Amino acid sequence: MKKFKLSLMMLTAIVVLASCGGQIRLTETESVGKDAVVNSVCENNDIKVTYDMWAENGITYFSIYNKADKPMYIDWKRSVFVYNDWKNDYWVEKSTSQEYLVPSGTGKAITYSRRMSTVVAERYTFIPPHTYVSVPMSYTIISSAAIATSETNGDNKMAITITDNLKTNPNAQKVKIASTTGKGTVKAYELAYSKETSPYRFRNFLTYAFDEKFATEKYIENEFYVSKHTQMSVKNFLGKKTKAKVSVKSFGKKSKGKVTIYDSPYKKGTSFYKTLLF
């Protein structure tokens, strides 16, 4: 029997997903363009960008690794997330105020006075040689893939139906996919896109340099499009399960127990999913 250390949040997510009686829509993406992403990674001689979109609705999370023997600088003002040709900033010029206590005096005569400090959002990130950093903020990729269909009845009244269910999508196909929990196949619904027909396209554009003043800028751009939706049962999405001993720490207290762990056969850094409760 395996042993794991899990946070309370991770444990709750596993239990909630496993208890769902609905369907899961798996969303797969394809990388295109000059700076291709292979196995969730894009790299050149300077930099390595690693993606992890695997989350409910997908998130634009990635890490950056400085491969060089000298410091690297990322300019977040000139680095953006582009969704269906619309620009979304990673950096916004703003500041926040934080309160802190300043002690004065000694022993029993010590007193504290309140002070305020202003923290400015970091525009530039300094990355030492052979070091990782993560993106300062992330965006949700798809919260819904719903479509609207209309039908006119005999009274010339139009009924419009909006659904997020591929089963009722006229463009989706009913298919058989391999079972992840045993032999044979299971029923699923698929909807595939090409780069030209995909309704969801996004790019990650990064500006970096090896000098602090950015006298010589360099760029890396990763482009993706949603290539396929696959709607399947929660059971098939989660895959095979094993029992494991877990240690959960919450509010400073530790507790032990057993939990079911799933192997998540569809998990991939450039894919994500949505829980559908029909």
C-alpha atoms as a PDB file:
ATOM      1  CA  MET A   1       0.000   0.000   0.000  1.00  0.00           C
ATOM      2  CA  LYS A   2       1.376   3.407  -0.969  1.00  0.00           C
ATOM      3  CA  LYS A   3       1.905   6.290   1.433  1.00  0.00           C
ATOM      4  CA  PHE A   4       1.252   9.924   0.502  1.00  0.00           C
ATOM      5  CA  LYS A   5       1.331  13.324   2.161  1.00  0.00           C
ATOM      6  CA  LEU A   6      -1.586  15.407   0.921  1.00  0.00           C
ATOM      7  CA  SER A   7      -2.839  18.855   1.769  1.00  0.00           C
ATOM      8  CA  LEU A   8      -6.456  19.210   2.876  1.00  0.00           C
ATOM      9  CA  MET A   9      -7.230  21.090  -0.349  1.00  0.00           C
ATOM     10  CA  MET A  10      -5.832  18.293  -2.543  1.00  0.00           C
ATOM     11  CA  LEU A  11      -7.700  15.653  -0.564  1.00  0.00           C
ATOM     12  CA  THR A  12     -10.987  17.560  -0.850  1.00  0.00           C
ATOM     13  CA  ALA A  13     -10.554  17.950  -4.634  1.00  0.00           C
ATOM     14  CA  ILE A  14      -9.999  14.202  -5.085  1.00  0.00           C
ATOM     15  CA  VAL A  15     -13.033  13.257  -3.009  1.00  0.00           C
ATOM     16  CA  VAL A  16     -15.358  15.788  -4.686  1.00  0.00           C
ATOM     17  CA  LEU A  17     -14.371  14.798  -8.235  1.00  0.00           C
ATOM     18  CA  ALA A  18     -14.604  11.077  -7.515  1.00  0.00           C
ATOM     19  CA  SER A  19     -18.070  11.473  -6.001  1.00  0.00           C
ATOM     20  CA  CYS A  20     -19.477  13.279  -9.048  1.00  0.00           C
ATOM     21  CA  GLY A  21     -22.034  11.271 -10.950  1.00  0.00           C
ATOM     22  CA  GLY A  22     -21.888  13.367 -14.087  1.00  0.00           C
ATOM     23  CA  GLN A  23     -19.546  13.608 -17.025  1.00  0.00           C
ATOM     24  CA  ILE A  24     -16.095  15.070 -17.649  1.00  0.00           C
ATOM     25  CA  ARG A  25     -15.112  16.994 -20.769  1.00  0.00           C
ATOM     26  CA  LEU A  26     -11.434  16.546 -21.586  1.00  0.00           C
ATOM     27  CA  THR A  27      -9.967  19.374 -23.664  1.00  0.00           C
ATOM     28  CA  GLU A  28      -6.793  18.795 -25.665  1.00  0.00           C
ATOM     29  CA  THR A  29      -4.672  21.475 -27.320  1.00  0.00           C
ATOM     30  CA  GLU A  30      -2.159  21.494 -30.163  1.00  0.00           C
ATOM     31  CA  SER A  31       0.958  23.638 -30.343  1.00  0.00           C
ATOM     32  CA  VAL A  32       1.717  25.395 -33.622  1.00  0.00           C
ATOM     33  CA  GLY A  33       4.131  28.049 -34.838  1.00  0.00           C
ATOM     34  CA  LYS A  34       7.895  28.481 -34.846  1.00  0.00           C
ATOM     35  CA  ASP A  35       8.369  27.972 -31.097  1.00  0.00           C
ATOM     36  CA  ALA A  36       6.643  24.614 -30.807  1.00  0.00           C
ATOM     37  CA  VAL A  37       5.762  23.052 -27.448  1.00  0.00           C
ATOM     38  CA  VAL A  38       6.675  19.350 -27.228  1.00  0.00           C
ATOM     39  CA  ASN A  39       5.640  17.289 -24.191  1.00  0.00           C
ATOM     40  CA  SER A  40       4.574  20.513 -22.431  1.00  0.00           C
ATOM     41  CA  VAL A  41       8.016  22.110 -22.923  1.00  0.00           C
ATOM     42  CA  CYS A  42       9.405  24.743 -25.301  1.00  0.00           C
ATOM     43  CA  GLU A  43      13.090  25.591 -25.149  1.00  0.00           C
ATOM     44  CA  ASN A  44      15.982  27.144 -27.030  1.00  0.00           C
ATOM     45  CA  ASN A  45      19.614  27.778 -26.057  1.00  0.00           C
ATOM     46  CA  ASP A  46      18.590  30.502 -23.545  1.00  0.00           C
ATOM     47  CA  ILE A  47      15.292  29.573 -21.962  1.00  0.00           C
ATOM     48  CA  LYS A  48      12.951  26.676 -21.158  1.00  0.00           C
ATOM     49  CA  VAL A  49       9.202  27.264 -20.716  1.00  0.00           C
ATOM     50  CA  THR A  50       7.197  24.457 -19.108  1.00  0.00           C
ATOM     51  CA  TYR A  51       3.384  24.479 -19.188  1.00  0.00           C
ATOM     52  CA  ASP A  52       0.881  23.004 -16.743  1.00  0.00           C
ATOM     53  CA  MET A  53      -2.674  23.811 -17.847  1.00  0.00           C
ATOM     54  CA  TRP A  54      -4.113  20.773 -16.063  1.00  0.00           C
ATOM     55  CA  ALA A  55      -6.954  22.162 -13.940  1.00  0.00           C
ATOM     56  CA  GLU A  56     -10.708  22.683 -14.006  1.00  0.00           C
ATOM     57  CA  ASN A  57     -11.369  24.932 -17.061  1.00  0.00           C
ATOM     58  CA  GLY A  58      -7.616  25.163 -17.747  1.00  0.00           C
ATOM     59  CA  ILE A  59      -5.183  27.785 -16.503  1.00  0.00           C
ATOM     60  CA  THR A  60      -2.297  29.591 -18.211  1.00  0.00           C
ATOM     61  CA  TYR A  61       0.304  28.442 -15.690  1.00  0.00           C
ATOM     62  CA  PHE A  62       3.913  28.052 -16.782  1.00  0.00           C
ATOM     63  CA  SER A  63       7.430  28.192 -15.354  1.00  0.00           C
ATOM     64  CA  ILE A  64      10.551  29.729 -16.887  1.00  0.00           C
ATOM     65  CA  TYR A  65      14.047  28.276 -16.541  1.00  0.00           C
ATOM     66  CA  ASN A  66      17.180  30.293 -17.296  1.00  0.00           C
ATOM     67  CA  LYS A  67      19.495  27.856 -19.101  1.00  0.00           C
ATOM     68  CA  ALA A  68      22.304  30.376 -19.482  1.00  0.00           C
ATOM     69  CA  ASP A  69      25.357  30.991 -17.292  1.00  0.00           C
ATOM     70  CA  LYS A  70      24.369  34.635 -16.790  1.00  0.00           C
ATOM     71  CA  PRO A  71      21.346  36.417 -15.277  1.00  0.00           C
ATOM     72  CA  MET A  72      18.156  36.776 -17.316  1.00  0.00           C
ATOM     73  CA  TYR A  73      15.449  39.437 -17.075  1.00  0.00           C
ATOM     74  CA  ILE A  74      11.749  39.036 -17.974  1.00  0.00           C
ATOM     75  CA  ASP A  75       9.767  42.170 -18.890  1.00  0.00           C
ATOM     76  CA  TRP A  76       6.173  41.368 -17.897  1.00  0.00           C
ATOM     77  CA  LYS A  77       4.828  44.610 -19.383  1.00  0.00           C
ATOM     78  CA  ARG A  78       5.956  43.420 -22.790  1.00  0.00           C
ATOM     79  CA  SER A  79       4.864  39.827 -22.148  1.00  0.00           C
ATOM     80  CA  VAL A  80       1.205  38.995 -22.741  1.00  0.00           C
ATOM     81  CA  PHE A  81      -1.394  36.259 -23.003  1.00  0.00           C
ATOM     82  CA  VAL A  82      -3.308  36.584 -26.283  1.00  0.00           C
ATOM     83  CA  TYR A  83      -6.720  34.874 -26.372  1.00  0.00           C
ATOM     84  CA  ASN A  84      -8.524  34.749 -29.728  1.00  0.00           C
ATOM     85  CA  ASP A  85      -6.384  37.729 -30.823  1.00  0.00           C
ATOM     86  CA  TRP A  86      -7.267  39.780 -27.699  1.00  0.00           C
ATOM     87  CA  LYS A  87      -4.379  40.987 -25.534  1.00  0.00           C
ATOM     88  CA  ASN A  88      -4.353  40.206 -21.798  1.00  0.00           C
ATOM     89  CA  ASP A  89      -1.605  41.661 -19.598  1.00  0.00           C
ATOM     90  CA  TYR A  90       0.573  39.782 -17.138  1.00  0.00           C
ATOM     91  CA  TRP A  91       1.581  43.062 -15.484  1.00  0.00           C
ATOM     92  CA  VAL A  92      -0.588  46.003 -14.478  1.00  0.00           C
ATOM     93  CA  GLU A  93       0.966  49.168 -13.108  1.00  0.00           C
ATOM     94  CA  LYS A  94      -0.475  49.411  -9.616  1.00  0.00           C
ATOM     95  CA  SER A  95       0.591  49.514  -6.011  1.00  0.00           C
ATOM     96  CA  THR A  96      -0.860  48.133  -2.789  1.00  0.00           C
ATOM     97  CA  SER A  97      -0.494  49.347   0.781  1.00  0.00           C
ATOM     98  CA  GLN A  98       0.484  47.043   3.634  1.00  0.00           C
ATOM     99  CA  GLU A  99       0.345  47.770   7.363  1.00  0.00           C
ATOM    100  CA  TYR A 100       3.137  46.703   9.721  1.00  0.00           C
ATOM    101  CA  LEU A 101       4.246  47.299  13.339  1.00  0.00           C
ATOM    102  CA  VAL A 102       7.456  49.097  14.330  1.00  0.00           C
ATOM    103  CA  PRO A 103       8.771  48.406  17.887  1.00  0.00           C
ATOM    104  CA  SER A 104      10.422  51.088  20.030  1.00  0.00           C
ATOM    105  CA  GLY A 105      11.898  50.958  23.526  1.00  0.00           C
ATOM    106  CA  THR A 106      13.115  47.889  25.418  1.00  0.00           C
ATOM    107  CA  GLY A 107      11.855  45.403  27.983  1.00  0.00           C
ATOM    108  CA  LYS A 108       8.548  46.255  29.646  1.00  0.00           C
ATOM    109  CA  ALA A 109       8.713  49.760  28.165  1.00  0.00           C
ATOM    110  CA  ILE A 110       8.522  48.493  24.584  1.00  0.00           C
ATOM    111  CA  THR A 111       5.748  49.972  22.453  1.00  0.00           C
ATOM    112  CA  TYR A 112       4.579  49.473  18.891  1.00  0.00           C
ATOM    113  CA  SER A 113       3.453  51.995  16.331  1.00  0.00           C
ATOM    114  CA  ARG A 114       1.639  51.263  13.095  1.00  0.00           C
ATOM    115  CA  ARG A 115       3.209  52.165   9.757  1.00  0.00           C
ATOM    116  CA  MET A 116       2.109  51.772   6.158  1.00  0.00           C
ATOM    117  CA  SER A 117       4.295  50.654   3.263  1.00  0.00           C
ATOM    118  CA  THR A 118       3.616  50.750  -0.455  1.00  0.00           C
ATOM    119  CA  VAL A 119       4.411  47.673  -2.562  1.00  0.00           C
ATOM    120  CA  VAL A 120       4.686  48.120  -6.314  1.00  0.00           C
ATOM    121  CA  ALA A 121       3.933  45.183  -8.612  1.00  0.00           C
ATOM    122  CA  GLU A 122       7.106  43.750 -10.131  1.00  0.00           C
ATOM    123  CA  ARG A 123       7.466  44.604 -13.804  1.00  0.00           C
ATOM    124  CA  TYR A 124      10.856  42.942 -14.264  1.00  0.00           C
ATOM    125  CA  THR A 125      11.832  39.555 -12.912  1.00  0.00           C
ATOM    126  CA  PHE A 126      15.499  38.817 -12.307  1.00  0.00           C
ATOM    127  CA  ILE A 127      16.356  35.154 -12.901  1.00  0.00           C
ATOM    128  CA  PRO A 128      19.799  33.938 -11.758  1.00  0.00           C
ATOM    129  CA  PRO A 129      21.620  31.391 -13.957  1.00  0.00           C
ATOM    130  CA  HIS A 130      20.074  27.904 -13.950  1.00  0.00           C
ATOM    131  CA  THR A 131      17.029  28.967 -11.920  1.00  0.00           C
ATOM    132  CA  TYR A 132      13.245  28.567 -12.244  1.00  0.00           C
ATOM    133  CA  VAL A 133      10.550  31.226 -11.785  1.00  0.00           C
ATOM    134  CA  SER A 134       6.780  31.020 -12.297  1.00  0.00           C
ATOM    135  CA  VAL A 135       4.314  33.288 -14.063  1.00  0.00           C
ATOM    136  CA  PRO A 136       3.078  36.151 -11.811  1.00  0.00           C
ATOM    137  CA  MET A 137      -0.581  35.597 -12.715  1.00  0.00           C
ATOM    138  CA  SER A 138      -2.711  33.172 -14.710  1.00  0.00           C
ATOM    139  CA  TYR A 139      -5.900  33.237 -16.764  1.00  0.00           C
ATOM    140  CA  THR A 140      -8.737  30.745 -17.138  1.00  0.00           C
ATOM    141  CA  ILE A 141      -8.700  29.312 -20.655  1.00  0.00           C
ATOM    142  CA  ILE A 142     -12.267  27.989 -21.129  1.00  0.00           C
ATOM    143  CA  SER A 143     -15.058  28.213 -18.568  1.00  0.00           C
ATOM    144  CA  SER A 144     -17.712  26.969 -20.998  1.00  0.00           C
ATOM    145  CA  ALA A 145     -17.950  25.397 -24.438  1.00  0.00           C
ATOM    146  CA  ALA A 146     -21.701  25.871 -24.668  1.00  0.00           C
ATOM    147  CA  ILE A 147     -23.442  26.281 -28.022  1.00  0.00           C
ATOM    148  CA  ALA A 148     -26.855  27.695 -28.853  1.00  0.00           C
ATOM    149  CA  THR A 149     -29.316  25.922 -31.168  1.00  0.00           C
ATOM    150  CA  SER A 150     -32.681  27.264 -32.349  1.00  0.00           C
ATOM    151  CA  GLU A 151     -35.868  25.555 -33.462  1.00  0.00           C
ATOM    152  CA  THR A 152     -39.086  27.070 -34.816  1.00  0.00           C
ATOM    153  CA  ASN A 153     -42.375  25.356 -33.954  1.00  0.00           C
ATOM    154  CA  GLY A 154     -45.689  25.383 -35.797  1.00  0.00           C
ATOM    155  CA  ASP A 155     -46.719  28.697 -34.257  1.00  0.00           C
ATOM    156  CA  ASN A 156     -43.600  30.338 -35.713  1.00  0.00           C
ATOM    157  CA  LYS A 157     -42.176  30.669 -32.217  1.00  0.00           C
ATOM    158  CA  MET A 158     -38.465  30.130 -31.933  1.00  0.00           C
ATOM    159  CA  ALA A 159     -37.012  28.118 -29.033  1.00  0.00           C
ATOM    160  CA  ILE A 160     -33.314  28.644 -28.314  1.00  0.00           C
ATOM    161  CA  THR A 161     -31.440  25.962 -26.381  1.00  0.00           C
ATOM    162  CA  ILE A 162     -28.026  26.607 -24.839  1.00  0.00           C
ATOM    163  CA  THR A 163     -26.123  23.514 -23.731  1.00  0.00           C
ATOM    164  CA  ASP A 164     -22.628  22.500 -22.684  1.00  0.00           C
ATOM    165  CA  ASN A 165     -23.387  18.830 -23.405  1.00  0.00           C
ATOM    166  CA  LEU A 166     -21.602  17.262 -26.385  1.00  0.00           C
ATOM    167  CA  LYS A 167     -24.282  14.573 -26.479  1.00  0.00           C
ATOM    168  CA  THR A 168     -26.736  17.145 -27.836  1.00  0.00           C
ATOM    169  CA  ASN A 169     -24.195  18.971 -29.993  1.00  0.00           C
ATOM    170  CA  PRO A 170     -24.982  18.209 -33.670  1.00  0.00           C
ATOM    171  CA  ASN A 171     -21.306  18.592 -34.607  1.00  0.00           C
ATOM    172  CA  ALA A 172     -20.046  16.046 -32.077  1.00  0.00           C
ATOM    173  CA  GLN A 173     -19.580  12.348 -32.832  1.00  0.00           C
ATOM    174  CA  LYS A 174     -20.523   9.388 -30.686  1.00  0.00           C
ATOM    175  CA  VAL A 175     -17.433   7.169 -30.423  1.00  0.00           C
ATOM    176  CA  LYS A 176     -15.978   4.229 -28.538  1.00  0.00           C
ATOM    177  CA  ILE A 177     -12.765   4.869 -26.600  1.00  0.00           C
ATOM    178  CA  ALA A 178     -10.534   2.480 -24.674  1.00  0.00           C
ATOM    179  CA  SER A 179     -11.606   1.761 -21.116  1.00  0.00           C
ATOM    180  CA  THR A 180      -9.087   3.015 -18.567  1.00  0.00           C
ATOM    181  CA  THR A 181     -10.375   0.780 -15.765  1.00  0.00           C
ATOM    182  CA  GLY A 182     -10.518  -2.558 -17.547  1.00  0.00           C
ATOM    183  CA  LYS A 183     -10.749  -4.230 -20.935  1.00  0.00           C
ATOM    184  CA  GLY A 184     -12.898  -3.214 -23.856  1.00  0.00           C
ATOM    185  CA  THR A 185     -14.292   0.201 -24.765  1.00  0.00           C
ATOM    186  CA  VAL A 186     -16.670   2.780 -23.337  1.00  0.00           C
ATOM    187  CA  LYS A 187     -19.009   5.331 -24.891  1.00  0.00           C
ATOM    188  CA  ALA A 188     -17.850   8.917 -25.381  1.00  0.00           C
ATOM    189  CA  TYR A 189     -18.574  12.004 -27.478  1.00  0.00           C
ATOM    190  CA  GLU A 190     -15.900  13.848 -29.432  1.00  0.00           C
ATOM    191  CA  LEU A 191     -15.678  17.194 -31.169  1.00  0.00           C
ATOM    192  CA  ALA A 192     -12.477  17.861 -33.123  1.00  0.00           C
ATOM    193  CA  TYR A 193     -11.140  21.103 -34.579  1.00  0.00           C
ATOM    194  CA  SER A 194      -8.398  22.182 -36.958  1.00  0.00           C
ATOM    195  CA  LYS A 195      -6.396  25.360 -36.366  1.00  0.00           C
ATOM    196  CA  GLU A 196      -8.695  27.160 -38.829  1.00  0.00           C
ATOM    197  CA  THR A 197     -11.968  25.942 -37.298  1.00  0.00           C
ATOM    198  CA  SER A 198     -11.061  26.020 -33.610  1.00  0.00           C
ATOM    199  CA  PRO A 199     -13.064  28.624 -31.633  1.00  0.00           C
ATOM    200  CA  TYR A 200     -10.337  28.780 -28.970  1.00  0.00           C
ATOM    201  CA  ARG A 201      -6.832  29.995 -29.873  1.00  0.00           C
ATOM    202  CA  PHE A 202      -4.282  31.455 -27.493  1.00  0.00           C
ATOM    203  CA  ARG A 203      -0.652  32.574 -27.433  1.00  0.00           C
ATOM    204  CA  ASN A 204       1.933  33.189 -24.751  1.00  0.00           C
ATOM    205  CA  PHE A 205       4.372  35.949 -25.761  1.00  0.00           C
ATOM    206  CA  LEU A 206       7.435  36.536 -23.551  1.00  0.00           C
ATOM    207  CA  THR A 207      10.068  39.270 -23.780  1.00  0.00           C
ATOM    208  CA  TYR A 208      13.429  38.641 -22.127  1.00  0.00           C
ATOM    209  CA  ALA A 209      17.002  39.906 -22.177  1.00  0.00           C
ATOM    210  CA  PHE A 210      20.386  39.288 -20.589  1.00  0.00           C
ATOM    211  CA  ASP A 211      21.016  42.950 -19.809  1.00  0.00           C
ATOM    212  CA  GLU A 212      19.025  44.919 -17.266  1.00  0.00           C
ATOM    213  CA  LYS A 213      18.298  47.799 -19.672  1.00  0.00           C
ATOM    214  CA  PHE A 214      16.958  45.476 -22.407  1.00  0.00           C
ATOM    215  CA  ALA A 215      19.312  46.905 -25.028  1.00  0.00           C
ATOM    216  CA  THR A 216      18.995  43.570 -26.874  1.00  0.00           C
ATOM    217  CA  GLU A 217      15.552  42.059 -26.504  1.00  0.00           C
ATOM    218  CA  LYS A 218      14.693  38.447 -27.230  1.00  0.00           C
ATOM    219  CA  TYR A 219      11.306  36.834 -27.644  1.00  0.00           C
ATOM    220  CA  ILE A 220       9.664  33.448 -27.376  1.00  0.00           C
ATOM    221  CA  GLU A 221       6.073  32.866 -28.476  1.00  0.00           C
ATOM    222  CA  ASN A 222       4.040  29.722 -27.936  1.00  0.00           C
ATOM    223  CA  GLU A 223       0.803  29.356 -29.853  1.00  0.00           C
ATOM    224  CA  PHE A 224      -1.960  26.850 -29.093  1.00  0.00           C
ATOM    225  CA  TYR A 225      -5.442  25.989 -30.269  1.00  0.00           C
ATOM    226  CA  VAL A 226      -8.064  23.672 -28.793  1.00  0.00           C
ATOM    227  CA  SER A 227      -7.968  20.606 -31.032  1.00  0.00           C
ATOM    228  CA  LYS A 228     -10.475  18.264 -29.391  1.00  0.00           C
ATOM    229  CA  HIS A 229     -13.154  17.900 -26.718  1.00  0.00           C
ATOM    230  CA  THR A 230     -13.914  14.413 -25.415  1.00  0.00           C
ATOM    231  CA  GLN A 231     -16.866  13.912 -23.077  1.00  0.00           C
ATOM    232  CA  MET A 232     -16.756  10.741 -20.986  1.00  0.00           C
ATOM    233  CA  SER A 233     -17.808   9.322 -17.645  1.00  0.00           C
ATOM    234  CA  VAL A 234     -16.039  10.445 -14.484  1.00  0.00           C
ATOM    235  CA  LYS A 235     -15.002   6.831 -13.866  1.00  0.00           C
ATOM    236  CA  ASN A 236     -13.188   6.518 -17.180  1.00  0.00           C
ATOM    237  CA  PHE A 237     -11.602   9.961 -16.800  1.00  0.00           C
ATOM    238  CA  LEU A 238     -10.144   9.153 -13.372  1.00  0.00           C
ATOM    239  CA  GLY A 239      -8.786   5.743 -14.429  1.00  0.00           C
ATOM    240  CA  LYS A 240      -7.650   2.896 -12.210  1.00  0.00           C
ATOM    241  CA  LYS A 241      -7.665   3.373  -8.475  1.00  0.00           C
ATOM    242  CA  THR A 242      -5.489   2.240  -5.595  1.00  0.00           C
ATOM    243  CA  LYS A 243      -5.808   2.586  -1.835  1.00  0.00           C
ATOM    244  CA  ALA A 244      -3.203   4.728  -0.091  1.00  0.00           C
ATOM    245  CA  LYS A 245      -2.384   5.863   3.423  1.00  0.00           C
ATOM    246  CA  VAL A 246      -2.394   9.639   3.748  1.00  0.00           C
ATOM    247  CA  SER A 247      -1.209  12.160   6.288  1.00  0.00           C
ATOM    248  CA  VAL A 248      -3.278  15.355   6.333  1.00  0.00           C
ATOM    249  CA  LYS A 249      -2.167  18.534   8.096  1.00  0.00           C
ATOM    250  CA  SER A 250      -4.851  21.119   8.874  1.00  0.00           C
ATOM    251  CA  PHE A 251      -4.524  24.102  11.215  1.00  0.00           C
ATOM    252  CA  GLY A 252      -1.351  22.658  12.691  1.00  0.00           C
ATOM    253  CA  LYS A 253      -2.908  19.268  13.463  1.00  0.00           C
ATOM    254  CA  LYS A 254      -1.982  16.030  11.717  1.00  0.00           C
ATOM    255  CA  SER A 255      -4.324  13.152  11.033  1.00  0.00           C
ATOM    256  CA  LYS A 256      -3.874   9.864   9.208  1.00  0.00           C
ATOM    257  CA  GLY A 257      -6.285   7.858   7.117  1.00  0.00           C
ATOM    258  CA  LYS A 258      -6.863   6.048   3.856  1.00  0.00           C
ATOM    259  CA  VAL A 259      -7.939   7.483   0.536  1.00  0.00           C
ATOM    260  CA  THR A 260      -8.483   6.271  -3.021  1.00  0.00           C
ATOM    261  CA  ILE A 261      -5.860   7.520  -5.487  1.00  0.00           C
ATOM    262  CA  TYR A 262      -6.607   7.563  -9.229  1.00  0.00           C
ATOM    263  CA  ASP A 263      -3.923   7.309 -11.913  1.00  0.00           C
ATOM    264  CA  SER A 264      -5.387  10.121 -14.110  1.00  0.00           C
ATOM    265  CA  PRO A 265      -4.455   8.590 -17.494  1.00  0.00           C
ATOM    266  CA  TYR A 266      -5.407  11.721 -19.473  1.00  0.00           C
ATOM    267  CA  LYS A 267      -3.334  14.161 -17.422  1.00  0.00           C
ATOM    268  CA  LYS A 268      -1.057  16.300 -19.590  1.00  0.00           C
ATOM    269  CA  GLY A 269       0.519  19.732 -19.241  1.00  0.00           C
ATOM    270  CA  THR A 270      -1.252  21.074 -22.333  1.00  0.00           C
ATOM    271  CA  SER A 271      -4.685  19.566 -21.620  1.00  0.00           C
ATOM    272  CA  PHE A 272      -7.411  20.396 -19.109  1.00  0.00           C
ATOM    273  CA  TYR A 273     -10.952  19.408 -18.164  1.00  0.00           C
ATOM    274  CA  LYS A 274     -14.385  20.526 -16.982  1.00  0.00           C
ATOM    275  CA  THR A 275     -16.782  18.733 -14.664  1.00  0.00           C
ATOM    276  CA  LEU A 276     -20.280  18.529 -16.167  1.00  0.00           C
ATOM    277  CA  LEU A 277     -23.175  17.836 -13.815  1.00  0.00           C
ATOM    278  CA  PHE A 278     -26.124  16.730 -15.946  1.00  0.00           C
END
